[in-house]
Amino acid sequence: MTAVCVYCASSDGIAEQHVALAAEVGIQIAARGWTLVSGGGSKSMMGAVAAAARSGGAHTIGVIPQSMVEREWADRASDELLVVESMRERKAQMEARADAFLALPGGLGTCEELFEIWTSGYLRLHDKPVVLLDPAGHWAGLLAWVRDLAGQGFVGAGALRRLVVTTDVPAALDACAAPVPT
């Protein structure tokens, strides 16, 4: 069984197209018989991906810092809800429990998670797929910036290959199950 860690927005006010995308990811994870690992939140895209995955029969694991539980953000319906002390511990638990990582549209937190897992994969600290699902160009500016960094010699071609960028859910999940690009 494959466990996919999904990084995405958990804040209020997110456009419905992004929330619908998250729900579609959850539905498709369940259809493949996979497990969802998430940040353990019940709001916005994070809540939508988890609820949709559970509705399709997927096992869901949420990892959330105590400070967010106290604000009532916790997805208490998770099959497993791990409450940790810090964001660093959260990311470590999510990484340990996942076989692949999938980033959806998000803000600073999603960006930070994506960069950390992408970098650690490039540094060979793990050999798990890192996939970016971007059907509407949410990450276009960031990707252009990273390609510019590569053009200046700050980012190697291997690092660029390490991140698989897709525009539809089936391709993203296929990439999560595929060998890591080298």
N, C-alpha and C. Protein backbone atom coordinates (compact mmCIF):
# COMPACT_ATOMS: atom_id res chain seq x y z
N MET A 1 0.85 -1.19 0.00
CA MET A 1 0.00 0.00 0.00
C MET A 1 0.89 1.24 0.00
N THR A 2 0.49 2.25 -0.75
CA THR A 2 1.23 3.49 -0.83
C THR A 2 0.58 4.54 0.07
N ALA A 3 1.42 5.25 0.80
CA ALA A 3 0.95 6.36 1.62
C ALA A 3 1.47 7.65 1.00
N VAL A 4 0.56 8.54 0.66
CA VAL A 4 0.91 9.80 0.02
C VAL A 4 0.70 10.94 1.00
N CYS A 5 1.74 11.72 1.20
CA CYS A 5 1.65 12.93 2.01
C CYS A 5 1.25 14.07 1.09
N VAL A 6 0.16 14.73 1.41
CA VAL A 6 -0.32 15.85 0.61
C VAL A 6 -0.11 17.14 1.38
N TYR A 7 0.62 18.05 0.73
CA TYR A 7 0.83 19.39 1.27
C TYR A 7 -0.14 20.33 0.54
N CYS A 8 -0.87 21.15 1.29
CA CYS A 8 -1.80 22.09 0.67
C CYS A 8 -2.24 23.13 1.69
N ALA A 9 -3.02 24.09 1.23
CA ALA A 9 -3.48 25.18 2.08
C ALA A 9 -4.48 24.70 3.13
N SER A 10 -4.40 25.35 4.28
CA SER A 10 -5.36 25.05 5.35
C SER A 10 -6.03 26.32 5.87
N SER A 11 -5.88 27.40 5.15
CA SER A 11 -6.46 28.67 5.60
C SER A 11 -7.82 28.92 4.97
N ASP A 12 -8.57 29.78 5.61
CA ASP A 12 -9.90 30.16 5.10
C ASP A 12 -9.76 31.06 3.89
N GLY A 13 -10.81 31.13 3.09
CA GLY A 13 -10.86 32.05 1.98
C GLY A 13 -10.20 31.56 0.71
N ILE A 14 -9.90 30.28 0.62
CA ILE A 14 -9.27 29.70 -0.57
C ILE A 14 -10.33 29.55 -1.67
N ALA A 15 -9.97 29.84 -2.90
CA ALA A 15 -10.89 29.71 -4.03
C ALA A 15 -11.43 28.28 -4.13
N GLU A 16 -12.69 28.18 -4.47
CA GLU A 16 -13.37 26.88 -4.53
C GLU A 16 -12.69 25.92 -5.49
N GLN A 17 -12.09 26.40 -6.57
CA GLN A 17 -11.43 25.50 -7.52
C GLN A 17 -10.30 24.73 -6.83
N HIS A 18 -9.61 25.35 -5.87
CA HIS A 18 -8.52 24.69 -5.17
C HIS A 18 -9.05 23.67 -4.16
N VAL A 19 -10.14 24.02 -3.50
CA VAL A 19 -10.76 23.09 -2.55
C VAL A 19 -11.29 21.87 -3.32
N ALA A 20 -11.88 22.10 -4.49
CA ALA A 20 -12.37 21.00 -5.32
C ALA A 20 -11.22 20.12 -5.80
N LEU A 21 -10.10 20.73 -6.15
CA LEU A 21 -8.92 19.96 -6.55
C LEU A 21 -8.47 19.06 -5.41
N ALA A 22 -8.41 19.60 -4.20
CA ALA A 22 -8.00 18.81 -3.04
C ALA A 22 -8.96 17.63 -2.83
N ALA A 23 -10.25 17.88 -2.96
CA ALA A 23 -11.22 16.79 -2.81
C ALA A 23 -11.02 15.72 -3.87
N GLU A 24 -10.74 16.14 -5.10
CA GLU A 24 -10.50 15.17 -6.18
C GLU A 24 -9.27 14.33 -5.88
N VAL A 25 -8.23 14.93 -5.34
CA VAL A 25 -7.04 14.18 -4.95
C VAL A 25 -7.41 13.14 -3.89
N GLY A 26 -8.18 13.54 -2.91
CA GLY A 26 -8.61 12.59 -1.87
C GLY A 26 -9.41 11.44 -2.43
N ILE A 27 -10.33 11.73 -3.34
CA ILE A 27 -11.15 10.69 -3.98
C ILE A 27 -10.26 9.71 -4.73
N GLN A 28 -9.30 10.24 -5.48
CA GLN A 28 -8.44 9.38 -6.29
C GLN A 28 -7.45 8.58 -5.44
N ILE A 29 -6.99 9.15 -4.33
CA ILE A 29 -6.15 8.39 -3.40
C ILE A 29 -6.93 7.19 -2.89
N ALA A 30 -8.16 7.42 -2.49
CA ALA A 30 -9.01 6.33 -2.00
C ALA A 30 -9.26 5.29 -3.09
N ALA A 31 -9.51 5.74 -4.31
CA ALA A 31 -9.79 4.81 -5.41
C ALA A 31 -8.61 3.89 -5.68
N ARG A 32 -7.41 4.34 -5.38
CA ARG A 32 -6.22 3.51 -5.57
C ARG A 32 -5.92 2.63 -4.36
N GLY A 33 -6.71 2.78 -3.30
CA GLY A 33 -6.48 1.99 -2.11
C GLY A 33 -5.30 2.46 -1.28
N TRP A 34 -4.94 3.72 -1.42
CA TRP A 34 -3.78 4.27 -0.73
C TRP A 34 -4.17 4.93 0.59
N THR A 35 -3.19 5.27 1.37
CA THR A 35 -3.33 5.99 2.62
C THR A 35 -2.98 7.46 2.39
N LEU A 36 -3.70 8.35 3.04
CA LEU A 36 -3.40 9.78 3.00
C LEU A 36 -2.70 10.18 4.28
N VAL A 37 -1.59 10.88 4.14
CA VAL A 37 -0.91 11.53 5.26
C VAL A 37 -1.09 13.03 5.04
N SER A 38 -1.57 13.72 6.06
CA SER A 38 -1.79 15.16 5.91
C SER A 38 -1.37 15.88 7.18
N GLY A 39 -1.49 17.19 7.12
CA GLY A 39 -1.14 18.02 8.26
C GLY A 39 -2.14 18.00 9.39
N GLY A 40 -3.17 17.17 9.28
CA GLY A 40 -4.10 16.97 10.39
C GLY A 40 -5.10 18.09 10.61
N GLY A 41 -5.23 19.00 9.65
CA GLY A 41 -6.18 20.09 9.80
C GLY A 41 -7.53 19.75 9.19
N SER A 42 -8.56 20.42 9.67
CA SER A 42 -9.92 20.16 9.19
C SER A 42 -10.44 21.26 8.29
N LYS A 43 -9.64 22.30 8.06
CA LYS A 43 -10.10 23.46 7.30
C LYS A 43 -9.63 23.40 5.85
N SER A 44 -10.32 24.11 5.01
CA SER A 44 -9.91 24.44 3.65
C SER A 44 -9.52 23.20 2.84
N MET A 45 -8.46 23.32 2.07
CA MET A 45 -8.02 22.23 1.20
C MET A 45 -7.60 21.01 2.00
N MET A 46 -6.91 21.23 3.13
CA MET A 46 -6.45 20.11 3.94
C MET A 46 -7.64 19.30 4.46
N GLY A 47 -8.66 19.96 4.90
CA GLY A 47 -9.85 19.26 5.36
C GLY A 47 -10.56 18.56 4.22
N ALA A 48 -10.60 19.19 3.04
CA ALA A 48 -11.29 18.61 1.88
C ALA A 48 -10.60 17.33 1.40
N VAL A 49 -9.27 17.33 1.32
CA VAL A 49 -8.57 16.14 0.84
C VAL A 49 -8.79 14.98 1.82
N ALA A 50 -8.75 15.26 3.11
CA ALA A 50 -8.93 14.19 4.09
C ALA A 50 -10.36 13.66 4.10
N ALA A 51 -11.34 14.55 4.08
CA ALA A 51 -12.74 14.11 4.10
C ALA A 51 -13.07 13.29 2.86
N ALA A 52 -12.58 13.73 1.70
CA ALA A 52 -12.84 13.00 0.46
C ALA A 52 -12.15 11.65 0.46
N ALA A 53 -10.92 11.60 0.96
CA ALA A 53 -10.21 10.32 1.03
C ALA A 53 -10.97 9.34 1.93
N ARG A 54 -11.39 9.81 3.09
CA ARG A 54 -12.14 8.94 4.01
C ARG A 54 -13.46 8.49 3.41
N SER A 55 -14.13 9.40 2.69
CA SER A 55 -15.43 9.04 2.11
C SER A 55 -15.28 7.91 1.09
N GLY A 56 -14.09 7.80 0.50
CA GLY A 56 -13.82 6.72 -0.45
C GLY A 56 -13.20 5.50 0.19
N GLY A 57 -13.04 5.52 1.51
CA GLY A 57 -12.52 4.35 2.21
C GLY A 57 -11.03 4.37 2.50
N ALA A 58 -10.35 5.48 2.20
CA ALA A 58 -8.91 5.55 2.46
C ALA A 58 -8.65 5.71 3.96
N HIS A 59 -7.53 5.17 4.38
CA HIS A 59 -7.03 5.37 5.73
C HIS A 59 -6.39 6.76 5.76
N THR A 60 -6.68 7.56 6.77
CA THR A 60 -6.12 8.91 6.85
C THR A 60 -5.31 9.07 8.13
N ILE A 61 -4.13 9.65 7.96
CA ILE A 61 -3.25 9.95 9.08
C ILE A 61 -3.03 11.45 9.09
N GLY A 62 -3.39 12.09 10.18
CA GLY A 62 -3.16 13.52 10.33
C GLY A 62 -2.10 13.76 11.39
N VAL A 63 -1.21 14.70 11.12
CA VAL A 63 -0.16 15.05 12.07
C VAL A 63 -0.26 16.55 12.32
N ILE A 64 -0.51 16.92 13.56
CA ILE A 64 -0.78 18.33 13.85
C ILE A 64 -0.09 18.75 15.15
N PRO A 65 0.48 19.95 15.16
CA PRO A 65 1.06 20.46 16.40
C PRO A 65 -0.02 20.78 17.44
N GLN A 66 0.32 20.60 18.70
CA GLN A 66 -0.61 20.87 19.79
C GLN A 66 -1.21 22.26 19.70
N SER A 67 -0.44 23.24 19.31
CA SER A 67 -0.94 24.62 19.25
C SER A 67 -2.10 24.76 18.28
N MET A 68 -2.14 23.95 17.24
CA MET A 68 -3.24 24.01 16.27
C MET A 68 -4.44 23.21 16.75
N VAL A 69 -4.21 22.18 17.52
CA VAL A 69 -5.32 21.43 18.10
C VAL A 69 -6.11 22.35 19.01
N GLU A 70 -5.39 23.13 19.80
CA GLU A 70 -6.02 24.03 20.76
C GLU A 70 -6.87 25.10 20.07
N ARG A 71 -6.54 25.40 18.82
CA ARG A 71 -7.34 26.38 18.05
C ARG A 71 -8.50 25.70 17.34
N GLU A 72 -8.70 24.41 17.59
CA GLU A 72 -9.77 23.61 17.02
C GLU A 72 -9.63 23.40 15.52
N TRP A 73 -8.39 23.30 15.04
CA TRP A 73 -8.15 23.03 13.64
C TRP A 73 -8.01 21.55 13.37
N ALA A 74 -7.92 20.73 14.40
CA ALA A 74 -7.62 19.31 14.23
C ALA A 74 -8.74 18.57 13.50
N ASP A 75 -8.33 17.70 12.59
CA ASP A 75 -9.25 16.82 11.88
C ASP A 75 -9.49 15.60 12.77
N ARG A 76 -10.42 15.75 13.67
CA ARG A 76 -10.69 14.71 14.67
C ARG A 76 -11.28 13.44 14.06
N ALA A 77 -11.70 13.51 12.80
CA ALA A 77 -12.22 12.32 12.12
C ALA A 77 -11.11 11.45 11.53
N SER A 78 -9.85 11.93 11.59
CA SER A 78 -8.74 11.14 11.06
C SER A 78 -8.72 9.75 11.68
N ASP A 79 -8.34 8.76 10.88
CA ASP A 79 -8.19 7.41 11.42
C ASP A 79 -7.08 7.38 12.47
N GLU A 80 -6.03 8.15 12.21
CA GLU A 80 -4.96 8.34 13.18
C GLU A 80 -4.68 9.84 13.24
N LEU A 81 -4.76 10.42 14.41
CA LEU A 81 -4.42 11.82 14.59
C LEU A 81 -3.25 11.89 15.56
N LEU A 82 -2.09 12.25 15.04
CA LEU A 82 -0.88 12.34 15.86
C LEU A 82 -0.68 13.79 16.27
N VAL A 83 -0.66 14.04 17.55
CA VAL A 83 -0.46 15.38 18.06
C VAL A 83 1.00 15.49 18.50
N VAL A 84 1.71 16.45 17.91
CA VAL A 84 3.13 16.64 18.17
C VAL A 84 3.36 18.03 18.77
N GLU A 85 4.57 18.28 19.20
CA GLU A 85 4.87 19.56 19.85
C GLU A 85 5.19 20.69 18.88
N SER A 86 5.84 20.38 17.75
CA SER A 86 6.33 21.47 16.90
C SER A 86 6.09 21.17 15.43
N MET A 87 6.25 22.22 14.62
CA MET A 87 6.14 22.05 13.17
C MET A 87 7.26 21.15 12.65
N ARG A 88 8.44 21.24 13.21
CA ARG A 88 9.54 20.37 12.79
C ARG A 88 9.22 18.91 13.05
N GLU A 89 8.65 18.64 14.22
CA GLU A 89 8.26 17.26 14.54
C GLU A 89 7.13 16.81 13.61
N ARG A 90 6.23 17.70 13.30
CA ARG A 90 5.14 17.38 12.37
C ARG A 90 5.69 16.92 11.03
N LYS A 91 6.60 17.71 10.46
CA LYS A 91 7.16 17.37 9.15
C LYS A 91 7.94 16.06 9.21
N ALA A 92 8.66 15.82 10.29
CA ALA A 92 9.41 14.57 10.42
C ALA A 92 8.47 13.37 10.46
N GLN A 93 7.38 13.47 11.19
CA GLN A 93 6.40 12.38 11.26
C GLN A 93 5.73 12.15 9.91
N MET A 94 5.39 13.24 9.22
CA MET A 94 4.76 13.11 7.91
C MET A 94 5.72 12.43 6.94
N GLU A 95 6.99 12.84 6.96
CA GLU A 95 7.98 12.23 6.07
C GLU A 95 8.16 10.75 6.38
N ALA A 96 8.21 10.40 7.64
CA ALA A 96 8.42 9.01 8.04
C ALA A 96 7.26 8.11 7.63
N ARG A 97 6.06 8.63 7.60
CA ARG A 97 4.88 7.82 7.32
C ARG A 97 4.48 7.78 5.85
N ALA A 98 5.15 8.57 5.01
CA ALA A 98 4.76 8.67 3.60
C ALA A 98 5.75 7.95 2.70
N ASP A 99 5.21 7.46 1.57
CA ASP A 99 6.02 6.85 0.52
C ASP A 99 6.25 7.83 -0.63
N ALA A 100 5.47 8.90 -0.67
CA ALA A 100 5.56 9.91 -1.72
C ALA A 100 4.97 11.21 -1.19
N PHE A 101 5.32 12.32 -1.85
CA PHE A 101 4.88 13.64 -1.43
C PHE A 101 4.26 14.37 -2.61
N LEU A 102 3.09 14.95 -2.37
CA LEU A 102 2.35 15.65 -3.41
C LEU A 102 1.97 17.03 -2.90
N ALA A 103 2.46 18.07 -3.57
CA ALA A 103 2.12 19.44 -3.20
C ALA A 103 1.04 19.97 -4.13
N LEU A 104 0.00 20.53 -3.54
CA LEU A 104 -1.08 21.20 -4.25
C LEU A 104 -0.88 22.70 -4.07
N PRO A 105 -1.73 23.54 -4.64
CA PRO A 105 -1.62 24.96 -4.38
C PRO A 105 -1.66 25.26 -2.88
N GLY A 106 -0.88 26.24 -2.49
CA GLY A 106 -0.82 26.62 -1.09
C GLY A 106 -0.02 27.89 -0.92
N GLY A 107 0.20 28.25 0.32
CA GLY A 107 0.90 29.48 0.64
C GLY A 107 2.28 29.20 1.21
N LEU A 108 2.66 30.00 2.18
CA LEU A 108 4.01 29.91 2.74
C LEU A 108 4.30 28.55 3.36
N GLY A 109 3.37 28.00 4.10
CA GLY A 109 3.59 26.71 4.74
C GLY A 109 3.78 25.60 3.71
N THR A 110 2.94 25.59 2.69
CA THR A 110 3.06 24.59 1.63
C THR A 110 4.38 24.75 0.90
N CYS A 111 4.74 25.98 0.64
CA CYS A 111 6.00 26.28 -0.05
C CYS A 111 7.18 25.75 0.78
N GLU A 112 7.15 26.03 2.05
CA GLU A 112 8.23 25.60 2.95
C GLU A 112 8.32 24.07 3.00
N GLU A 113 7.18 23.40 3.10
CA GLU A 113 7.18 21.93 3.11
C GLU A 113 7.71 21.37 1.80
N LEU A 114 7.25 21.94 0.68
CA LEU A 114 7.70 21.49 -0.62
C LEU A 114 9.21 21.64 -0.77
N PHE A 115 9.73 22.81 -0.43
CA PHE A 115 11.17 23.03 -0.59
C PHE A 115 11.99 22.10 0.31
N GLU A 116 11.53 21.88 1.52
CA GLU A 116 12.29 21.01 2.42
C GLU A 116 12.33 19.57 1.91
N ILE A 117 11.19 19.04 1.49
CA ILE A 117 11.17 17.64 1.06
C ILE A 117 11.85 17.49 -0.30
N TRP A 118 11.73 18.48 -1.16
CA TRP A 118 12.41 18.47 -2.46
C TRP A 118 13.92 18.50 -2.26
N THR A 119 14.38 19.41 -1.40
CA THR A 119 15.81 19.53 -1.13
C THR A 119 16.37 18.26 -0.49
N SER A 120 15.67 17.72 0.49
CA SER A 120 16.18 16.52 1.16
C SER A 120 16.22 15.33 0.21
N GLY A 121 15.30 15.27 -0.74
CA GLY A 121 15.35 14.23 -1.75
C GLY A 121 16.54 14.41 -2.68
N TYR A 122 16.77 15.64 -3.11
CA TYR A 122 17.91 15.93 -3.97
C TYR A 122 19.23 15.60 -3.26
N LEU A 123 19.28 15.84 -1.96
CA LEU A 123 20.48 15.53 -1.18
C LEU A 123 20.58 14.05 -0.81
N ARG A 124 19.63 13.25 -1.31
CA ARG A 124 19.58 11.80 -1.10
C ARG A 124 19.36 11.41 0.37
N LEU A 125 18.64 12.26 1.08
CA LEU A 125 18.25 11.93 2.44
C LEU A 125 17.00 11.05 2.46
N HIS A 126 16.32 10.99 1.32
CA HIS A 126 15.22 10.04 1.09
C HIS A 126 15.15 9.77 -0.40
N ASP A 127 14.50 8.68 -0.76
CA ASP A 127 14.37 8.31 -2.18
C ASP A 127 12.90 8.19 -2.58
N LYS A 128 12.10 9.11 -2.09
CA LYS A 128 10.66 9.10 -2.33
C LYS A 128 10.30 10.15 -3.38
N PRO A 129 9.30 9.87 -4.21
CA PRO A 129 8.88 10.86 -5.21
C PRO A 129 8.36 12.16 -4.58
N VAL A 130 8.67 13.26 -5.24
CA VAL A 130 8.16 14.58 -4.86
C VAL A 130 7.47 15.15 -6.10
N VAL A 131 6.17 15.40 -5.97
CA VAL A 131 5.34 15.77 -7.11
C VAL A 131 4.62 17.07 -6.80
N LEU A 132 4.52 17.91 -7.82
CA LEU A 132 3.80 19.18 -7.72
C LEU A 132 2.62 19.11 -8.68
N LEU A 133 1.41 19.26 -8.16
CA LEU A 133 0.21 19.27 -8.98
C LEU A 133 -0.23 20.72 -9.16
N ASP A 134 -0.17 21.18 -10.41
CA ASP A 134 -0.42 22.60 -10.69
C ASP A 134 -1.27 22.78 -11.94
N PRO A 135 -2.57 22.48 -11.87
CA PRO A 135 -3.41 22.56 -13.07
C PRO A 135 -3.71 23.98 -13.54
N ALA A 136 -3.59 24.97 -12.67
CA ALA A 136 -3.99 26.33 -13.04
C ALA A 136 -2.85 27.33 -13.00
N GLY A 137 -1.61 26.88 -12.92
CA GLY A 137 -0.47 27.78 -12.94
C GLY A 137 -0.17 28.48 -11.62
N HIS A 138 -0.69 27.97 -10.52
CA HIS A 138 -0.45 28.56 -9.20
C HIS A 138 1.05 28.69 -8.91
N TRP A 139 1.82 27.69 -9.28
CA TRP A 139 3.25 27.65 -8.97
C TRP A 139 4.12 28.16 -10.13
N ALA A 140 3.55 28.71 -11.18
CA ALA A 140 4.32 29.11 -12.37
C ALA A 140 5.44 30.10 -12.03
N GLY A 141 5.15 31.10 -11.24
CA GLY A 141 6.16 32.09 -10.88
C GLY A 141 7.30 31.48 -10.09
N LEU A 142 6.97 30.62 -9.15
CA LEU A 142 8.01 29.96 -8.36
C LEU A 142 8.88 29.07 -9.24
N LEU A 143 8.25 28.32 -10.13
CA LEU A 143 9.01 27.43 -11.02
C LEU A 143 9.90 28.24 -11.97
N ALA A 144 9.41 29.36 -12.44
CA ALA A 144 10.24 30.22 -13.30
C ALA A 144 11.44 30.75 -12.53
N TRP A 145 11.24 31.12 -11.29
CA TRP A 145 12.32 31.60 -10.45
C TRP A 145 13.37 30.51 -10.22
N VAL A 146 12.91 29.29 -9.93
CA VAL A 146 13.85 28.18 -9.71
C VAL A 146 14.62 27.88 -11.00
N ARG A 147 13.94 27.91 -12.13
CA ARG A 147 14.64 27.69 -13.41
C ARG A 147 15.67 28.79 -13.67
N ASP A 148 15.34 30.02 -13.28
CA ASP A 148 16.30 31.11 -13.40
C ASP A 148 17.50 30.86 -12.49
N LEU A 149 17.26 30.39 -11.29
CA LEU A 149 18.36 30.03 -10.39
C LEU A 149 19.25 28.98 -11.03
N ALA A 150 18.63 28.01 -11.70
CA ALA A 150 19.41 26.98 -12.40
C ALA A 150 20.24 27.60 -13.51
N GLY A 151 19.67 28.54 -14.23
CA GLY A 151 20.39 29.22 -15.29
C GLY A 151 21.60 30.00 -14.79
N GLN A 152 21.52 30.43 -13.54
CA GLN A 152 22.63 31.15 -12.92
C GLN A 152 23.62 30.23 -12.22
N GLY A 153 23.34 28.92 -12.24
CA GLY A 153 24.24 27.96 -11.63
C GLY A 153 23.97 27.66 -10.16
N PHE A 154 22.89 28.20 -9.60
CA PHE A 154 22.58 27.96 -8.19
C PHE A 154 21.84 26.65 -7.95
N VAL A 155 21.19 26.13 -8.96
CA VAL A 155 20.42 24.89 -8.85
C VAL A 155 20.85 23.99 -9.99
N GLY A 156 21.18 22.74 -9.65
CA GLY A 156 21.62 21.79 -10.66
C GLY A 156 20.47 21.17 -11.41
N ALA A 157 20.78 20.64 -12.59
CA ALA A 157 19.76 19.99 -13.42
C ALA A 157 19.13 18.80 -12.70
N GLY A 158 19.92 18.10 -11.90
CA GLY A 158 19.39 16.96 -11.15
C GLY A 158 18.32 17.37 -10.16
N ALA A 159 18.50 18.53 -9.56
CA ALA A 159 17.49 19.03 -8.63
C ALA A 159 16.20 19.36 -9.36
N LEU A 160 16.32 19.95 -10.54
CA LEU A 160 15.12 20.24 -11.33
C LEU A 160 14.39 18.97 -11.73
N ARG A 161 15.14 17.94 -12.13
CA ARG A 161 14.51 16.67 -12.51
C ARG A 161 13.85 15.98 -11.32
N ARG A 162 14.34 16.22 -10.13
CA ARG A 162 13.86 15.55 -8.92
C ARG A 162 12.41 15.90 -8.60
N LEU A 163 11.97 17.10 -9.02
CA LEU A 163 10.58 17.53 -8.80
C LEU A 163 9.78 17.23 -10.06
N VAL A 164 8.75 16.42 -9.93
CA VAL A 164 7.87 16.08 -11.05
C VAL A 164 6.69 17.05 -11.01
N VAL A 165 6.51 17.81 -12.08
CA VAL A 165 5.42 18.78 -12.16
C VAL A 165 4.35 18.23 -13.08
N THR A 166 3.11 18.20 -12.60
CA THR A 166 1.98 17.67 -13.36
C THR A 166 0.84 18.68 -13.34
N THR A 167 -0.12 18.45 -14.25
CA THR A 167 -1.26 19.35 -14.32
C THR A 167 -2.60 18.65 -14.10
N ASP A 168 -2.60 17.34 -13.90
CA ASP A 168 -3.87 16.66 -13.61
C ASP A 168 -3.66 15.60 -12.54
N VAL A 169 -4.74 15.27 -11.85
CA VAL A 169 -4.68 14.39 -10.69
C VAL A 169 -4.17 12.99 -11.04
N PRO A 170 -4.70 12.32 -12.08
CA PRO A 170 -4.17 10.98 -12.37
C PRO A 170 -2.66 10.97 -12.64
N ALA A 171 -2.17 11.94 -13.39
CA ALA A 171 -0.73 12.01 -13.67
C ALA A 171 0.06 12.26 -12.39
N ALA A 172 -0.47 13.08 -11.51
CA ALA A 172 0.22 13.36 -10.25
C ALA A 172 0.32 12.09 -9.40
N LEU A 173 -0.77 11.35 -9.31
CA LEU A 173 -0.74 10.13 -8.51
C LEU A 173 0.08 9.03 -9.17
N ASP A 174 0.07 8.97 -10.50
CA ASP A 174 0.95 8.05 -11.20
C ASP A 174 2.41 8.35 -10.87
N ALA A 175 2.76 9.64 -10.83
CA ALA A 175 4.12 10.06 -10.52
C ALA A 175 4.49 9.71 -9.07
N CYS A 176 3.50 9.73 -8.18
CA CYS A 176 3.75 9.36 -6.79
C CYS A 176 4.13 7.88 -6.66
N ALA A 177 3.66 7.07 -7.59
CA ALA A 177 3.94 5.63 -7.56
C ALA A 177 5.10 5.23 -8.44
N ALA A 178 5.65 6.17 -9.18
CA ALA A 178 6.73 5.88 -10.14
C ALA A 178 8.10 5.97 -9.48
N PRO A 179 9.11 5.39 -10.12
CA PRO A 179 10.47 5.57 -9.60
C PRO A 179 10.87 7.04 -9.61
N VAL A 180 11.74 7.40 -8.71
CA VAL A 180 12.22 8.77 -8.60
C VAL A 180 13.07 9.09 -9.83
N PRO A 181 12.80 10.23 -10.48
CA PRO A 181 13.63 10.63 -11.64
C PRO A 181 15.06 10.92 -11.20
N THR A 182 16.00 10.58 -12.05
CA THR A 182 17.42 10.86 -11.73
C THR A 182 18.02 11.79 -12.76
